[in-house]
Amino acid sequence: MDSLMDRYGSSIGITGLSCKFPKDYQNPQLFWDSICSGKSSWSNIPASRWKGSGFWSAIKKRNATISKSGHFITQDISRFDVSFFGISLNEATAMDPQHRLMTEVAYEAVESAGMSLERLQGSKTGGNAVPRSRRNAAVYGYRLAQNKPGEPN
């Protein structure tokens, strides 16, 4: 199998990068600085998410969690700019919140590369996005399915 360099020459490069991490680590430099300084983004479950104490148990038992802390992105996902991305309010409401965040992060990566969406359109450009889980897919997919066939979003 050909190596990437044999196949594509030197025309491959990472030119833009963006990320969202817990706490205030909202760009690659802040995230790297937190790693180098040994800071942790571990925190208790934010009250805005759900009342963790109502589901927490020190012992494993049915319908309980043994964790009352973790890593949480604190960005308000309801502030997604539907008009900027050309997405209807119905569609944005039905989107998995991770998808909304990934849409923003993808745009920020293009910006960090000093590019415009217009310049990228039709080019041979690729991207890589890695969501953590699909646990919200059923909930948000169901919301989208509430529209009847042919009904506008």
C-alpha atoms as a PDB file:
ATOM      1  CA  MET A   1       0.000   0.000   0.000  1.00  0.00           C
ATOM      2  CA  ASP A   2       1.308   3.453  -0.892  1.00  0.00           C
ATOM      3  CA  SER A   3       2.310   5.720   1.944  1.00  0.00           C
ATOM      4  CA  LEU A   4       0.430   8.992   2.268  1.00  0.00           C
ATOM      5  CA  MET A   5       3.531  10.932   1.226  1.00  0.00           C
ATOM      6  CA  ASP A   6       3.922   8.789  -1.926  1.00  0.00           C
ATOM      7  CA  ARG A   7       0.284   9.234  -2.807  1.00  0.00           C
ATOM      8  CA  TYR A   8      -0.196  12.906  -1.997  1.00  0.00           C
ATOM      9  CA  GLY A   9       3.278  14.417  -1.791  1.00  0.00           C
ATOM     10  CA  SER A  10       3.728  17.297   0.600  1.00  0.00           C
ATOM     11  CA  SER A  11       0.250  18.764   0.115  1.00  0.00           C
ATOM     12  CA  ILE A  12      -1.101  17.398   3.400  1.00  0.00           C
ATOM     13  CA  GLY A  13      -1.043  19.541   6.501  1.00  0.00           C
ATOM     14  CA  ILE A  14      -2.997  20.523   9.567  1.00  0.00           C
ATOM     15  CA  THR A  15      -3.822  24.167   9.090  1.00  0.00           C
ATOM     16  CA  GLY A  16      -6.749  24.684  11.447  1.00  0.00           C
ATOM     17  CA  LEU A  17      -7.611  23.343  14.861  1.00  0.00           C
ATOM     18  CA  SER A  18     -10.437  23.910  17.306  1.00  0.00           C
ATOM     19  CA  CYS A  19     -11.792  22.173  20.401  1.00  0.00           C
ATOM     20  CA  LYS A  20     -14.221  22.359  23.301  1.00  0.00           C
ATOM     21  CA  PHE A  21     -13.173  20.991  26.658  1.00  0.00           C
ATOM     22  CA  PRO A  22     -14.550  21.221  30.195  1.00  0.00           C
ATOM     23  CA  LYS A  23     -14.168  24.342  32.315  1.00  0.00           C
ATOM     24  CA  ASP A  24     -12.521  27.282  30.597  1.00  0.00           C
ATOM     25  CA  TYR A  25     -10.305  25.295  28.219  1.00  0.00           C
ATOM     26  CA  GLN A  26     -12.050  26.532  25.081  1.00  0.00           C
ATOM     27  CA  ASN A  27      -9.139  26.508  22.654  1.00  0.00           C
ATOM     28  CA  PRO A  28      -6.126  24.263  22.026  1.00  0.00           C
ATOM     29  CA  GLN A  29      -3.650  26.601  23.759  1.00  0.00           C
ATOM     30  CA  LEU A  30      -5.686  26.833  26.986  1.00  0.00           C
ATOM     31  CA  PHE A  31      -6.160  23.064  26.976  1.00  0.00           C
ATOM     32  CA  TRP A  32      -2.422  22.475  26.464  1.00  0.00           C
ATOM     33  CA  ASP A  33      -1.571  24.977  29.217  1.00  0.00           C
ATOM     34  CA  SER A  34      -3.892  23.112  31.617  1.00  0.00           C
ATOM     35  CA  ILE A  35      -2.157  19.817  30.834  1.00  0.00           C
ATOM     36  CA  CYS A  36       1.327  21.303  31.310  1.00  0.00           C
ATOM     37  CA  SER A  37       0.381  22.895  34.631  1.00  0.00           C
ATOM     38  CA  GLY A  38      -1.351  19.748  35.927  1.00  0.00           C
ATOM     39  CA  LYS A  39      -4.779  21.385  36.243  1.00  0.00           C
ATOM     40  CA  SER A  40      -7.856  19.185  36.278  1.00  0.00           C
ATOM     41  CA  SER A  41     -11.251  19.884  34.770  1.00  0.00           C
ATOM     42  CA  TRP A  42     -12.933  17.326  37.057  1.00  0.00           C
ATOM     43  CA  SER A  43     -15.949  18.783  38.894  1.00  0.00           C
ATOM     44  CA  ASN A  44     -19.235  17.840  40.508  1.00  0.00           C
ATOM     45  CA  ILE A  45     -22.280  17.497  38.264  1.00  0.00           C
ATOM     46  CA  PRO A  46     -23.471  21.047  37.481  1.00  0.00           C
ATOM     47  CA  ALA A  47     -26.880  21.868  38.975  1.00  0.00           C
ATOM     48  CA  SER A  48     -27.987  22.986  35.507  1.00  0.00           C
ATOM     49  CA  ARG A  49     -27.607  19.400  34.212  1.00  0.00           C
ATOM     50  CA  TRP A  50     -29.489  17.299  36.722  1.00  0.00           C
ATOM     51  CA  LYS A  51     -29.625  16.799  40.448  1.00  0.00           C
ATOM     52  CA  GLY A  52     -26.880  14.227  40.874  1.00  0.00           C
ATOM     53  CA  SER A  53     -27.590  13.628  44.548  1.00  0.00           C
ATOM     54  CA  GLY A  54     -30.980  12.147  43.665  1.00  0.00           C
ATOM     55  CA  PHE A  55     -29.350   9.420  41.582  1.00  0.00           C
ATOM     56  CA  TRP A  56     -26.088   8.849  43.426  1.00  0.00           C
ATOM     57  CA  SER A  57     -25.377   5.791  45.538  1.00  0.00           C
ATOM     58  CA  ALA A  58     -22.118   4.777  47.212  1.00  0.00           C
ATOM     59  CA  ILE A  59     -22.975   1.161  46.472  1.00  0.00           C
ATOM     60  CA  LYS A  60     -23.892  -0.313  43.121  1.00  0.00           C
ATOM     61  CA  LYS A  61     -27.642  -0.649  42.907  1.00  0.00           C
ATOM     62  CA  ARG A  62     -30.255  -0.528  40.228  1.00  0.00           C
ATOM     63  CA  ASN A  63     -31.286   2.905  38.892  1.00  0.00           C
ATOM     64  CA  ALA A  64     -28.404   4.706  40.581  1.00  0.00           C
ATOM     65  CA  THR A  65     -25.040   6.082  39.599  1.00  0.00           C
ATOM     66  CA  ILE A  66     -21.842   5.540  41.547  1.00  0.00           C
ATOM     67  CA  SER A  67     -20.355   8.745  40.132  1.00  0.00           C
ATOM     68  CA  LYS A  68     -21.247  12.247  41.241  1.00  0.00           C
ATOM     69  CA  SER A  69     -18.569  14.107  39.301  1.00  0.00           C
ATOM     70  CA  GLY A  70     -16.884  14.190  35.909  1.00  0.00           C
ATOM     71  CA  HIS A  71     -15.843  16.481  33.082  1.00  0.00           C
ATOM     72  CA  PHE A  72     -18.563  18.894  31.926  1.00  0.00           C
ATOM     73  CA  ILE A  73     -18.622  21.479  29.158  1.00  0.00           C
ATOM     74  CA  THR A  74     -20.235  24.557  30.648  1.00  0.00           C
ATOM     75  CA  GLN A  75     -21.107  26.314  27.378  1.00  0.00           C
ATOM     76  CA  ASP A  76     -24.829  27.114  27.043  1.00  0.00           C
ATOM     77  CA  ILE A  77     -25.797  24.968  24.055  1.00  0.00           C
ATOM     78  CA  SER A  78     -29.145  26.738  23.724  1.00  0.00           C
ATOM     79  CA  ARG A  79     -27.241  29.776  22.397  1.00  0.00           C
ATOM     80  CA  PHE A  80     -26.517  28.062  19.051  1.00  0.00           C
ATOM     81  CA  ASP A  81     -26.746  30.646  16.240  1.00  0.00           C
ATOM     82  CA  VAL A  82     -29.251  29.026  13.865  1.00  0.00           C
ATOM     83  CA  SER A  83     -29.276  31.921  11.388  1.00  0.00           C
ATOM     84  CA  PHE A  84     -25.466  31.994  11.110  1.00  0.00           C
ATOM     85  CA  PHE A  85     -25.379  28.311  10.169  1.00  0.00           C
ATOM     86  CA  GLY A  86     -28.538  28.443   8.018  1.00  0.00           C
ATOM     87  CA  ILE A  87     -30.329  25.860  10.140  1.00  0.00           C
ATOM     88  CA  SER A  88     -34.010  26.127  11.013  1.00  0.00           C
ATOM     89  CA  LEU A  89     -34.986  26.466  14.670  1.00  0.00           C
ATOM     90  CA  ASN A  90     -36.926  23.177  14.439  1.00  0.00           C
ATOM     91  CA  GLU A  91     -33.895  21.361  13.053  1.00  0.00           C
ATOM     92  CA  ALA A  92     -31.531  22.888  15.636  1.00  0.00           C
ATOM     93  CA  THR A  93     -33.907  21.915  18.455  1.00  0.00           C
ATOM     94  CA  ALA A  94     -33.921  18.335  17.162  1.00  0.00           C
ATOM     95  CA  MET A  95     -30.127  18.178  16.796  1.00  0.00           C
ATOM     96  CA  ASP A  96     -28.070  16.327  19.369  1.00  0.00           C
ATOM     97  CA  PRO A  97     -26.316  19.047  21.417  1.00  0.00           C
ATOM     98  CA  GLN A  98     -22.988  17.425  20.499  1.00  0.00           C
ATOM     99  CA  HIS A  99     -23.832  18.012  16.830  1.00  0.00           C
ATOM    100  CA  ARG A 100     -24.449  21.714  17.532  1.00  0.00           C
ATOM    101  CA  LEU A 101     -21.104  21.962  19.323  1.00  0.00           C
ATOM    102  CA  MET A 102     -19.327  20.094  16.517  1.00  0.00           C
ATOM    103  CA  THR A 103     -20.827  22.487  13.947  1.00  0.00           C
ATOM    104  CA  GLU A 104     -19.400  25.432  15.891  1.00  0.00           C
ATOM    105  CA  VAL A 105     -16.039  23.721  16.388  1.00  0.00           C
ATOM    106  CA  ALA A 106     -15.771  22.886  12.673  1.00  0.00           C
ATOM    107  CA  TYR A 107     -16.354  26.520  11.769  1.00  0.00           C
ATOM    108  CA  GLU A 108     -13.790  27.662  14.369  1.00  0.00           C
ATOM    109  CA  ALA A 109     -11.232  25.247  12.864  1.00  0.00           C
ATOM    110  CA  VAL A 110     -11.791  26.796   9.431  1.00  0.00           C
ATOM    111  CA  GLU A 111     -11.373  30.250  10.988  1.00  0.00           C
ATOM    112  CA  SER A 112      -8.169  29.219  12.794  1.00  0.00           C
ATOM    113  CA  ALA A 113      -6.770  28.098   9.439  1.00  0.00           C
ATOM    114  CA  GLY A 114      -7.350  31.610   8.105  1.00  0.00           C
ATOM    115  CA  MET A 115      -9.798  30.235   5.554  1.00  0.00           C
ATOM    116  CA  SER A 116     -13.352  31.075   4.584  1.00  0.00           C
ATOM    117  CA  LEU A 117     -16.152  28.624   3.873  1.00  0.00           C
ATOM    118  CA  GLU A 118     -16.444  30.115   0.383  1.00  0.00           C
ATOM    119  CA  ARG A 119     -12.776  29.394  -0.335  1.00  0.00           C
ATOM    120  CA  LEU A 120     -13.128  25.793   0.880  1.00  0.00           C
ATOM    121  CA  GLN A 121     -16.267  25.089  -1.138  1.00  0.00           C
ATOM    122  CA  GLY A 122     -15.417  22.608  -3.896  1.00  0.00           C
ATOM    123  CA  SER A 123     -11.838  22.096  -2.672  1.00  0.00           C
ATOM    124  CA  LYS A 124     -10.260  18.779  -1.721  1.00  0.00           C
ATOM    125  CA  THR A 125     -10.378  19.490   1.999  1.00  0.00           C
ATOM    126  CA  GLY A 126     -11.116  17.019   4.757  1.00  0.00           C
ATOM    127  CA  GLY A 127     -11.782  17.226   8.450  1.00  0.00           C
ATOM    128  CA  ASN A 128     -11.909  14.913  11.424  1.00  0.00           C
ATOM    129  CA  ALA A 129     -14.435  15.198  14.249  1.00  0.00           C
ATOM    130  CA  VAL A 130     -14.651  12.861  17.223  1.00  0.00           C
ATOM    131  CA  PRO A 131     -17.829  13.043  19.335  1.00  0.00           C
ATOM    132  CA  ARG A 132     -17.718  11.279  22.681  1.00  0.00           C
ATOM    133  CA  SER A 133     -20.985   9.354  22.569  1.00  0.00           C
ATOM    134  CA  ARG A 134     -24.303   8.883  20.824  1.00  0.00           C
ATOM    135  CA  ARG A 135     -26.445   8.664  23.944  1.00  0.00           C
ATOM    136  CA  ASN A 136     -28.574  11.650  22.891  1.00  0.00           C
ATOM    137  CA  ALA A 137     -29.245  10.387  19.354  1.00  0.00           C
ATOM    138  CA  ALA A 138     -32.516   8.641  20.185  1.00  0.00           C
ATOM    139  CA  VAL A 139     -33.915  11.626  22.089  1.00  0.00           C
ATOM    140  CA  TYR A 140     -33.039  14.274  19.506  1.00  0.00           C
ATOM    141  CA  GLY A 141     -33.788  12.030  16.517  1.00  0.00           C
ATOM    142  CA  TYR A 142     -37.256  11.464  17.978  1.00  0.00           C
ATOM    143  CA  ARG A 143     -37.799  15.219  18.222  1.00  0.00           C
ATOM    144  CA  LEU A 144     -36.924  15.626  14.561  1.00  0.00           C
ATOM    145  CA  ALA A 145     -39.262  12.775  13.612  1.00  0.00           C
ATOM    146  CA  GLN A 146     -42.198  14.683  15.133  1.00  0.00           C
ATOM    147  CA  ASN A 147     -42.426  16.648  11.875  1.00  0.00           C
ATOM    148  CA  LYS A 148     -44.872  15.064   9.458  1.00  0.00           C
ATOM    149  CA  PRO A 149     -43.573  14.086   5.999  1.00  0.00           C
ATOM    150  CA  GLY A 150     -43.418  17.149   3.781  1.00  0.00           C
ATOM    151  CA  GLU A 151     -43.786  19.518   6.738  1.00  0.00           C
ATOM    152  CA  PRO A 152     -41.131  22.238   6.711  1.00  0.00           C
ATOM    153  CA  ASN A 153     -38.543  22.336   9.451  1.00  0.00           C
END
